[in-house]
Amino acid sequence: MISPTPRAIFLMLLGVPLMLAVALMAPALWILSAGWIVGVGALILLDAMIGASLRAYEAELDVPPLLYVGGSDPLPLVLRFREGPLPRRVQVQLEMNALLEDIPAKGLRGWEGNERPYEFELTPKRRGMAKLVRLWSRWQGPLGLIQKRHILELDRDIPVTPNIRWVKDEAIRLFSRDAAFGIKTQIERGDGSEFDALREFSSGMDRRAIDWKHSARHRNLLAKEFRTERNHNIVFAFDTGRLMSEPLGGVPKIDRAINAGLLLSYVSLRQGDRTMFYGFDSRPGLTTGFLSGPRGFPKAQGMAASLDYSTQETNYTLALSTLASRLERRSLVIIFSDFVDTISAELMLENVKRLTDRHLVLFATFEDAALSGMVDAPPEETLDVTRAVIADGLLAERDVVFRRLQRMGVQIIETTPEAFGGALISRYLQIKQRDML
């Protein structure tokens, strides 16, 4: 598409006074007016002919197969003219749907031969299906009288998934630590509480492991050797309601919870346990069967990506009673949720109590950094004092709810988003060490 620039329009308008003067004072010299129009038109045509050609222009995009929430990925772009002159500057803009952060138009200068490489940064706002609609390119002719516009229809869908890249990096870091309980195969034996075999007692072994009966029979000190328990059920229950869909540090709470849940899922599957994903808001949502083995992790990733955001209030009665009816054996149920005060948490407490009668429940939530900041902020005016008092009252109500959960036997994790995954892994390993399942 070729169109005149503001410079060409201004140049044409400069001839208007001349045309008016000729029309009023010397109509016989109308040829001057026509000559001005023809002259400007010829310059515009010349600019279109000697400038970079639309037919020789190409734009190539290397679209990534996946995008991750909470991160940015490059989108390489190569502009190329197969032949002919090159423009001094090409302006490009990428049109996307609302799932991606807007990228402002960029003017590109400098060429490497007949090519100009560039990289867009794609930053998703939430999970879902991102879409690249089209790529707009435009440049002006050497005289600046015309601009040529090229539109490349993309129509490319990119799934936005939980941040598995962070999960893999964190999992590699955890599995590389020699002291982690039950992490490496070579130290799996001797670290659990399930009896495996008898072996001769040697210096450095725990004396409490000595089997005195068998030692007396064999007239030699023998100690029990244990192994890590396996095949436990781990249930990840994600609250996708209104409170968990709110952003925390620019990323929705539910996405942070899913990232931590996937990290623990990766570790637990490597440990030999079975994992299940369960989502709920005003009614039960996603439910997967129990997955086992490291090969089950890709399926867990895909199922977690389908947990959608919701603006509805969470119905704990329906959600937790439905979950309890689907569990046939004792399981570790990890509830990722949040609450505002004791009134909104009352139904949650009542239904969690029923769940603890048979299962071990771990309640995982994030610290309310906004409330803590209001309490700790130095008061500069009366309004700051009011905010601090109200925030302190809300934090006190959270502590009341946590104490009630602890009295029920519920394990609690409340920490910052940065430490959430590590705290979840540590508590899981602690539960297995203490043989609480």
Protein backbone atom coordinates (compact mmCIF):
# COMPACT_ATOMS: atom_id res chain seq x y z
CA MET A 1 0.00 0.00 0.00
CA ILE A 2 1.40 3.40 -1.04
CA SER A 3 0.15 6.72 0.39
CA PRO A 4 1.39 10.33 0.44
CA THR A 5 3.17 11.64 3.50
CA PRO A 6 2.30 14.88 5.34
CA ARG A 7 5.25 16.48 3.51
CA ALA A 8 3.65 15.75 0.12
CA ILE A 9 0.29 17.10 1.26
CA PHE A 10 1.91 20.27 2.63
CA LEU A 11 3.82 20.74 -0.62
CA MET A 12 0.61 20.43 -2.59
CA LEU A 13 -1.16 22.91 -0.30
CA LEU A 14 1.62 25.46 -0.86
CA GLY A 15 0.27 25.88 -4.38
CA VAL A 16 -3.23 26.83 -3.22
CA PRO A 17 -2.46 30.57 -2.80
CA LEU A 18 -0.93 30.59 -6.31
CA MET A 19 -3.99 28.86 -7.73
CA LEU A 20 -6.33 31.35 -6.05
CA ALA A 21 -4.29 34.33 -7.28
CA VAL A 22 -4.26 33.02 -10.85
CA ALA A 23 -8.01 32.30 -10.76
CA LEU A 24 -8.86 35.80 -9.49
CA MET A 25 -6.32 38.02 -11.25
CA ALA A 26 -5.15 36.17 -14.39
CA PRO A 27 -7.44 33.31 -15.41
CA ALA A 28 -5.57 33.03 -18.68
CA LEU A 29 -2.51 31.76 -16.77
CA TRP A 30 -4.33 28.69 -15.46
CA ILE A 31 -1.52 26.62 -16.88
CA LEU A 32 0.64 27.67 -13.90
CA SER A 33 -1.81 26.05 -11.48
CA ALA A 34 -1.94 22.91 -13.55
CA GLY A 35 1.83 22.89 -13.78
CA TRP A 36 2.18 23.05 -9.98
CA ILE A 37 -0.16 20.10 -9.55
CA VAL A 38 1.59 18.09 -12.25
CA GLY A 39 5.02 18.96 -10.86
CA VAL A 40 4.18 17.86 -7.32
CA GLY A 41 2.51 14.73 -8.69
CA ALA A 42 5.64 13.94 -10.73
CA LEU A 43 7.84 14.28 -7.63
CA ILE A 44 5.56 11.92 -5.72
CA LEU A 45 5.65 9.41 -8.58
CA LEU A 46 9.44 9.71 -8.80
CA ASP A 47 9.76 9.12 -5.06
CA ALA A 48 7.65 5.98 -5.37
CA MET A 49 9.74 4.66 -8.25
CA ILE A 50 13.25 5.22 -6.85
CA GLY A 51 12.43 4.06 -3.32
CA ALA A 52 12.58 0.56 -1.88
CA SER A 53 10.08 -1.75 -3.55
CA LEU A 54 7.19 -3.45 -1.77
CA ARG A 55 7.52 -6.49 -4.04
CA ALA A 56 11.13 -7.06 -2.98
CA TYR A 57 10.35 -6.82 0.73
CA GLU A 58 10.18 -9.87 3.03
CA ALA A 59 9.71 -10.27 6.79
CA GLU A 60 10.45 -13.52 8.61
CA LEU A 61 9.42 -14.32 12.20
CA ASP A 62 10.66 -17.27 14.26
CA VAL A 63 7.62 -17.79 16.50
CA PRO A 64 8.33 -19.69 19.77
CA PRO A 65 6.18 -22.79 20.36
CA LEU A 66 5.37 -21.85 23.98
CA LEU A 67 5.36 -18.83 26.24
CA TYR A 68 5.67 -18.92 30.03
CA VAL A 69 3.80 -16.82 32.58
CA GLY A 70 6.07 -14.51 34.53
CA GLY A 71 8.81 -14.47 31.90
CA SER A 72 9.69 -12.93 28.54
CA ASP A 73 10.73 -14.73 25.36
CA PRO A 74 12.41 -13.30 22.26
CA LEU A 75 10.64 -13.23 18.91
CA PRO A 76 13.41 -13.00 16.26
CA LEU A 77 12.55 -10.90 13.21
CA VAL A 78 14.50 -10.54 9.96
CA LEU A 79 13.63 -7.81 7.44
CA ARG A 80 14.98 -8.38 3.94
CA PHE A 81 14.94 -6.69 0.51
CA ARG A 82 15.75 -9.14 -2.25
CA GLU A 83 16.81 -6.41 -4.66
CA GLY A 84 16.84 -2.68 -5.25
CA PRO A 85 17.57 0.24 -2.92
CA LEU A 86 17.17 0.07 0.85
CA PRO A 87 15.19 2.57 2.94
CA ARG A 88 16.96 4.66 5.57
CA ARG A 89 14.46 3.61 8.24
CA VAL A 90 11.79 0.93 8.53
CA GLN A 91 9.13 1.22 11.21
CA VAL A 92 7.67 -2.10 12.44
CA GLN A 93 4.83 -2.85 14.82
CA LEU A 94 3.48 -6.21 15.99
CA GLU A 95 -0.28 -6.56 16.45
CA MET A 96 -1.28 -9.07 19.17
CA ASN A 97 -4.27 -10.00 21.28
CA ALA A 98 -4.83 -8.78 24.85
CA LEU A 99 -3.02 -11.75 26.41
CA LEU A 100 0.39 -10.19 25.60
CA GLU A 101 1.81 -6.89 26.76
CA ASP A 102 1.75 -4.20 24.08
CA ILE A 103 4.98 -3.56 22.19
CA PRO A 104 5.44 0.01 20.88
CA ALA A 105 6.33 0.63 17.25
CA LYS A 106 10.07 0.50 16.59
CA GLY A 107 12.05 2.37 13.94
CA LEU A 108 14.95 0.26 12.61
CA ARG A 109 18.05 1.71 10.95
CA GLY A 110 21.22 0.13 9.64
CA TRP A 111 21.46 -2.87 7.35
CA GLU A 112 23.67 -5.94 7.27
CA GLY A 113 23.89 -6.44 3.54
CA ASN A 114 20.25 -6.44 2.50
CA GLU A 115 18.95 -7.68 5.89
CA ARG A 116 18.04 -6.11 9.24
CA PRO A 117 17.65 -8.49 12.22
CA TYR A 118 15.66 -7.49 15.31
CA GLU A 119 14.04 -9.17 18.34
CA PHE A 120 10.68 -8.42 19.90
CA GLU A 121 10.15 -9.32 23.56
CA LEU A 122 6.93 -11.27 24.14
CA THR A 123 5.67 -10.97 27.73
CA PRO A 124 2.39 -12.76 28.53
CA LYS A 125 0.06 -11.29 31.14
CA ARG A 126 -1.67 -14.58 32.01
CA ARG A 127 -2.14 -18.15 30.87
CA GLY A 128 -4.25 -18.92 27.83
CA MET A 129 -3.81 -18.77 24.06
CA ALA A 130 -1.78 -15.79 22.87
CA LYS A 131 -2.22 -14.71 19.26
CA LEU A 132 0.05 -12.87 16.86
CA VAL A 133 -2.33 -11.15 14.45
CA ARG A 134 -0.17 -9.31 11.92
CA LEU A 135 3.12 -7.47 11.44
CA TRP A 136 2.97 -3.89 10.14
CA SER A 137 5.95 -2.40 8.30
CA ARG A 138 6.30 0.99 6.64
CA TRP A 139 9.03 3.19 5.22
CA GLN A 140 9.32 6.44 3.26
CA GLY A 141 10.84 7.16 -0.10
CA PRO A 142 14.15 9.02 -0.52
CA LEU A 143 12.32 12.35 -0.96
CA GLY A 144 9.97 11.71 1.96
CA LEU A 145 6.87 12.29 -0.19
CA ILE A 146 5.37 8.78 -0.07
CA GLN A 147 5.26 5.98 2.46
CA LYS A 148 4.90 2.33 1.64
CA ARG A 149 3.06 0.02 4.03
CA HIS A 150 3.43 -3.76 4.14
CA ILE A 151 1.05 -5.98 6.16
CA LEU A 152 2.08 -9.55 6.95
CA GLU A 153 -0.85 -11.64 8.17
CA LEU A 154 0.44 -13.97 10.90
CA ASP A 155 -2.60 -15.53 12.57
CA ARG A 156 -0.35 -17.60 14.87
CA ASP A 157 -1.54 -19.02 18.19
CA ILE A 158 0.98 -19.52 21.00
CA PRO A 159 -0.09 -21.36 24.18
CA VAL A 160 0.91 -19.61 27.40
CA THR A 161 1.70 -22.20 30.07
CA PRO A 162 2.96 -22.13 33.68
CA ASN A 163 6.63 -21.31 34.05
CA ILE A 164 8.06 -24.78 33.49
CA ARG A 165 11.46 -23.30 32.71
CA TRP A 166 11.72 -22.13 36.31
CA VAL A 167 10.42 -25.49 37.51
CA LYS A 168 13.09 -27.39 35.58
CA ASP A 169 15.89 -25.09 36.73
CA GLU A 170 14.77 -25.34 40.35
CA ALA A 171 14.35 -29.12 40.11
CA ILE A 172 17.86 -29.52 38.69
CA ARG A 173 19.21 -27.44 41.56
CA LEU A 174 17.37 -29.54 44.12
CA PHE A 175 18.37 -32.87 42.59
CA SER A 176 22.02 -31.84 42.48
CA ARG A 177 22.23 -31.46 46.27
CA ASP A 178 23.77 -34.52 47.86
CA ALA A 179 22.16 -33.96 51.27
CA ALA A 180 18.53 -33.88 50.17
CA PHE A 181 16.39 -36.62 51.63
CA GLY A 182 15.51 -39.39 49.19
CA ILE A 183 16.58 -37.31 46.20
CA LYS A 184 19.37 -39.44 44.76
CA THR A 185 19.10 -43.13 44.14
CA GLN A 186 22.39 -43.94 45.85
CA ILE A 187 21.21 -42.46 49.20
CA GLU A 188 17.61 -43.61 48.94
CA ARG A 189 18.33 -46.65 51.09
CA GLY A 190 18.73 -45.86 54.76
CA ASP A 191 16.85 -42.54 54.78
CA GLY A 192 13.24 -43.65 55.02
CA SER A 193 11.22 -45.50 57.63
CA GLU A 194 10.14 -48.56 55.65
CA PHE A 195 12.14 -51.69 56.61
CA ASP A 196 14.38 -52.96 53.82
CA ALA A 197 17.03 -55.35 55.16
CA LEU A 198 19.42 -56.23 57.98
CA ARG A 199 23.10 -55.42 57.75
CA GLU A 200 26.09 -55.66 60.02
CA PHE A 201 26.35 -52.72 62.38
CA SER A 202 29.28 -50.44 61.65
CA SER A 203 30.73 -47.31 63.19
CA GLY A 204 28.68 -44.20 62.44
CA MET A 205 25.31 -45.97 62.16
CA ASP A 206 22.41 -44.99 64.41
CA ARG A 207 22.44 -47.23 67.48
CA ARG A 208 18.65 -47.06 67.65
CA ALA A 209 18.59 -49.10 64.44
CA ILE A 210 20.21 -52.15 66.13
CA ASP A 211 17.94 -55.21 66.07
CA TRP A 212 18.83 -56.86 69.40
CA LYS A 213 16.77 -59.99 68.84
CA HIS A 214 18.47 -60.88 65.56
CA SER A 215 21.83 -59.76 66.93
CA ALA A 216 21.50 -62.24 69.82
CA ARG A 217 20.46 -65.02 67.42
CA HIS A 218 23.42 -64.44 65.08
CA ARG A 219 25.83 -63.44 67.86
CA ASN A 220 26.76 -60.32 65.89
CA LEU A 221 25.46 -56.75 65.97
CA LEU A 222 22.91 -56.32 63.18
CA ALA A 223 21.11 -53.09 62.34
CA LYS A 224 17.91 -52.48 60.44
CA GLU A 225 18.21 -50.73 57.12
CA PHE A 226 15.32 -48.65 55.89
CA ARG A 227 14.30 -47.23 52.55
CA THR A 228 12.30 -44.31 51.31
CA GLU A 229 8.54 -44.85 51.21
CA ARG A 230 6.93 -44.68 47.81
CA ASN A 231 3.55 -44.70 46.14
CA HIS A 232 1.99 -42.03 48.37
CA ASN A 233 -0.90 -39.98 46.99
CA ILE A 234 -0.20 -36.25 46.63
CA VAL A 235 -3.22 -34.10 45.72
CA PHE A 236 -2.73 -30.53 44.50
CA ALA A 237 -5.99 -28.63 45.08
CA PHE A 238 -5.89 -25.19 43.39
CA ASP A 239 -8.40 -22.51 44.30
CA THR A 240 -8.95 -20.59 41.04
CA GLY A 241 -11.51 -18.17 42.50
CA ARG A 242 -11.48 -14.40 42.66
CA LEU A 243 -8.88 -13.96 45.41
CA MET A 244 -6.37 -16.33 43.84
CA SER A 245 -6.78 -14.68 40.42
CA GLU A 246 -5.61 -11.32 41.77
CA PRO A 247 -2.05 -10.28 40.87
CA LEU A 248 0.81 -10.55 43.33
CA GLY A 249 3.96 -8.80 42.19
CA GLY A 250 2.57 -8.52 38.66
CA VAL A 251 1.74 -12.25 38.39
CA PRO A 252 -1.60 -13.79 39.46
CA LYS A 253 -1.43 -15.78 42.69
CA ILE A 254 -2.80 -18.88 40.98
CA ASP A 255 0.09 -18.86 38.49
CA ARG A 256 2.63 -18.64 41.30
CA ALA A 257 0.85 -21.50 43.07
CA ILE A 258 0.83 -23.62 39.90
CA ASN A 259 4.56 -23.06 39.40
CA ALA A 260 5.30 -24.23 42.95
CA GLY A 261 2.86 -27.14 42.58
CA LEU A 262 4.54 -28.29 39.37
CA LEU A 263 7.94 -28.13 41.05
CA LEU A 264 6.74 -30.35 43.88
CA SER A 265 4.96 -32.59 41.37
CA TYR A 266 8.24 -33.11 39.50
CA VAL A 267 10.05 -33.99 42.74
CA SER A 268 7.30 -36.28 44.05
CA LEU A 269 7.02 -38.15 40.74
CA ARG A 270 10.75 -38.71 40.82
CA GLN A 271 10.35 -39.98 44.37
CA GLY A 272 7.89 -42.63 43.21
CA ASP A 273 4.74 -40.97 44.57
CA ARG A 274 1.53 -40.38 42.65
CA THR A 275 0.15 -36.89 41.98
CA MET A 276 -3.30 -35.55 41.18
CA PHE A 277 -4.39 -32.03 40.13
CA TYR A 278 -7.73 -30.60 41.22
CA GLY A 279 -9.14 -27.13 40.48
CA PHE A 280 -12.18 -25.43 41.95
CA ASP A 281 -13.92 -22.09 42.35
CA SER A 282 -17.70 -21.85 42.79
CA ARG A 283 -17.84 -25.48 41.68
CA PRO A 284 -15.34 -28.28 41.08
CA GLY A 285 -13.37 -27.87 37.88
CA LEU A 286 -10.34 -29.71 36.54
CA THR A 287 -9.77 -33.19 37.97
CA THR A 288 -6.99 -35.48 36.79
CA GLY A 289 -6.41 -39.06 37.69
CA PHE A 290 -3.35 -39.98 39.70
CA LEU A 291 -0.18 -39.69 37.64
CA SER A 292 2.93 -41.72 38.37
CA GLY A 293 6.51 -41.76 37.19
CA PRO A 294 8.57 -38.97 35.60
CA ARG A 295 6.73 -39.54 32.31
CA GLY A 296 3.56 -38.26 33.94
CA PHE A 297 5.01 -34.77 34.38
CA PRO A 298 4.31 -33.51 30.81
CA LYS A 299 0.66 -34.47 31.27
CA ALA A 300 0.62 -32.68 34.62
CA GLN A 301 2.03 -29.61 32.91
CA GLY A 302 -0.66 -29.65 30.22
CA MET A 303 -3.47 -30.17 32.73
CA ALA A 304 -2.18 -27.38 34.99
CA ALA A 305 -2.12 -25.00 32.01
CA SER A 306 -5.88 -25.53 31.58
CA LEU A 307 -6.66 -24.17 35.05
CA ASP A 308 -8.48 -20.98 34.11
CA TYR A 309 -8.94 -17.75 36.05
CA SER A 310 -12.27 -17.01 37.68
CA THR A 311 -14.07 -13.98 39.13
CA GLN A 312 -16.42 -16.07 41.26
CA GLU A 313 -16.26 -16.68 44.99
CA THR A 314 -14.89 -20.04 46.10
CA ASN A 315 -17.38 -22.67 47.31
CA TYR A 316 -15.29 -24.70 49.76
CA THR A 317 -18.21 -26.89 50.83
CA LEU A 318 -18.89 -28.27 47.36
CA ALA A 319 -15.22 -28.35 46.31
CA LEU A 320 -13.71 -30.12 49.30
CA SER A 321 -16.59 -32.55 49.82
CA THR A 322 -16.33 -33.55 46.15
CA LEU A 323 -12.57 -34.01 46.51
CA ALA A 324 -12.98 -36.14 49.65
CA SER A 325 -15.44 -38.43 47.87
CA ARG A 326 -12.89 -39.10 45.09
CA LEU A 327 -10.01 -40.11 47.38
CA GLU A 328 -10.06 -43.77 48.31
CA ARG A 329 -6.92 -43.87 50.48
CA ARG A 330 -5.05 -41.56 52.82
CA SER A 331 -3.39 -38.76 50.87
CA LEU A 332 -1.43 -35.57 51.30
CA VAL A 333 -3.85 -32.85 50.18
CA ILE A 334 -2.16 -29.51 49.44
CA ILE A 335 -4.70 -26.68 49.26
CA PHE A 336 -3.50 -23.56 47.46
CA SER A 337 -5.92 -20.85 48.52
CA ASP A 338 -6.29 -17.48 50.22
CA PHE A 339 -8.78 -15.64 52.43
CA VAL A 340 -9.42 -12.11 53.68
CA ASP A 341 -10.81 -12.46 57.21
CA THR A 342 -12.27 -14.97 59.65
CA ILE A 343 -15.77 -14.61 58.22
CA SER A 344 -14.72 -15.56 54.67
CA ALA A 345 -12.57 -18.39 56.08
CA GLU A 346 -15.30 -19.96 58.25
CA LEU A 347 -16.65 -22.29 55.57
CA MET A 348 -13.13 -23.24 54.57
CA LEU A 349 -12.26 -24.18 58.16
CA GLU A 350 -15.38 -26.29 58.54
CA ASN A 351 -14.72 -28.32 55.41
CA VAL A 352 -10.98 -28.64 55.95
CA LYS A 353 -11.80 -30.16 59.34
CA ARG A 354 -13.78 -32.94 57.63
CA LEU A 355 -10.87 -33.54 55.26
CA THR A 356 -8.37 -33.93 58.12
CA ASP A 357 -10.34 -36.84 59.59
CA ARG A 358 -8.81 -39.12 56.98
CA HIS A 359 -6.11 -37.19 55.12
CA LEU A 360 -3.07 -35.06 55.89
CA VAL A 361 -3.82 -31.50 54.79
CA LEU A 362 -1.26 -28.83 53.93
CA PHE A 363 -2.60 -25.28 53.51
CA ALA A 364 -0.31 -23.17 51.30
CA THR A 365 -0.78 -19.43 50.85
CA PHE A 366 1.23 -16.27 50.27
CA GLU A 367 2.18 -13.57 52.72
CA ASP A 368 0.10 -10.43 52.29
CA ALA A 369 2.93 -8.05 51.49
CA ALA A 370 0.53 -5.11 51.04
CA LEU A 371 -0.85 -5.42 54.57
CA SER A 372 2.61 -5.96 56.05
CA GLY A 373 3.86 -2.88 54.22
CA MET A 374 1.05 -0.75 55.64
CA VAL A 375 1.80 -1.93 59.17
CA ASP A 376 5.55 -1.36 58.90
CA ALA A 377 5.37 1.95 57.00
CA PRO A 378 6.36 5.02 59.06
CA PRO A 379 3.27 7.20 59.68
CA GLU A 380 3.50 10.58 57.99
CA GLU A 381 -0.15 11.62 58.23
CA THR A 382 -3.36 10.57 59.94
CA LEU A 383 -4.44 8.41 57.01
CA ASP A 384 -1.27 6.30 57.34
CA VAL A 385 -2.11 5.54 60.98
CA THR A 386 -5.64 4.51 60.00
CA ARG A 387 -4.33 2.19 57.30
CA ALA A 388 -1.81 0.64 59.71
CA VAL A 389 -4.48 -0.05 62.33
CA ILE A 390 -6.85 -1.66 59.83
CA ALA A 391 -4.05 -3.71 58.25
CA ASP A 392 -2.86 -4.88 61.67
CA GLY A 393 -6.41 -6.02 62.47
CA LEU A 394 -6.63 -8.01 59.24
CA LEU A 395 -3.26 -9.65 59.90
CA ALA A 396 -4.42 -10.56 63.40
CA GLU A 397 -7.50 -12.24 61.90
CA ARG A 398 -5.24 -14.22 59.54
CA ASP A 399 -3.24 -15.41 62.54
CA VAL A 400 -6.47 -16.54 64.23
CA VAL A 401 -7.39 -18.63 61.18
CA PHE A 402 -3.90 -20.16 61.02
CA ARG A 403 -4.01 -21.11 64.70
CA ARG A 404 -7.38 -22.79 64.22
CA LEU A 405 -5.99 -24.72 61.26
CA GLN A 406 -3.01 -25.84 63.29
CA ARG A 407 -5.26 -27.10 66.08
CA MET A 408 -7.02 -29.23 63.47
CA GLY A 409 -3.67 -30.81 62.55
CA VAL A 410 -3.29 -28.89 59.28
CA GLN A 411 0.24 -28.11 58.09
CA ILE A 412 0.63 -24.44 57.07
CA ILE A 413 2.95 -22.67 54.65
CA GLU A 414 2.79 -18.88 54.45
CA THR A 415 5.75 -17.26 52.77
CA THR A 416 6.83 -14.91 50.00
CA PRO A 417 6.41 -15.91 46.33
CA GLU A 418 10.19 -16.17 45.92
CA ALA A 419 10.52 -18.73 48.74
CA PHE A 420 7.22 -20.53 48.09
CA GLY A 421 8.56 -23.40 45.98
CA GLY A 422 11.48 -24.12 48.29
CA ALA A 423 9.26 -24.05 51.39
CA LEU A 424 6.84 -26.48 49.74
CA ILE A 425 9.63 -28.92 48.86
CA SER A 426 11.12 -28.73 52.36
CA ARG A 427 7.77 -29.42 54.01
CA TYR A 428 7.10 -32.37 51.68
CA LEU A 429 10.47 -33.93 52.49
CA GLN A 430 9.89 -33.30 56.19
CA ILE A 431 6.52 -35.06 56.04
CA LYS A 432 8.12 -38.07 54.38
CA GLN A 433 10.97 -38.18 56.86
CA ARG A 434 8.54 -38.21 59.78
CA ASP A 435 6.42 -40.89 58.10
CA MET A 436 3.27 -38.78 58.54
CA LEU A 437 1.54 -40.44 55.60
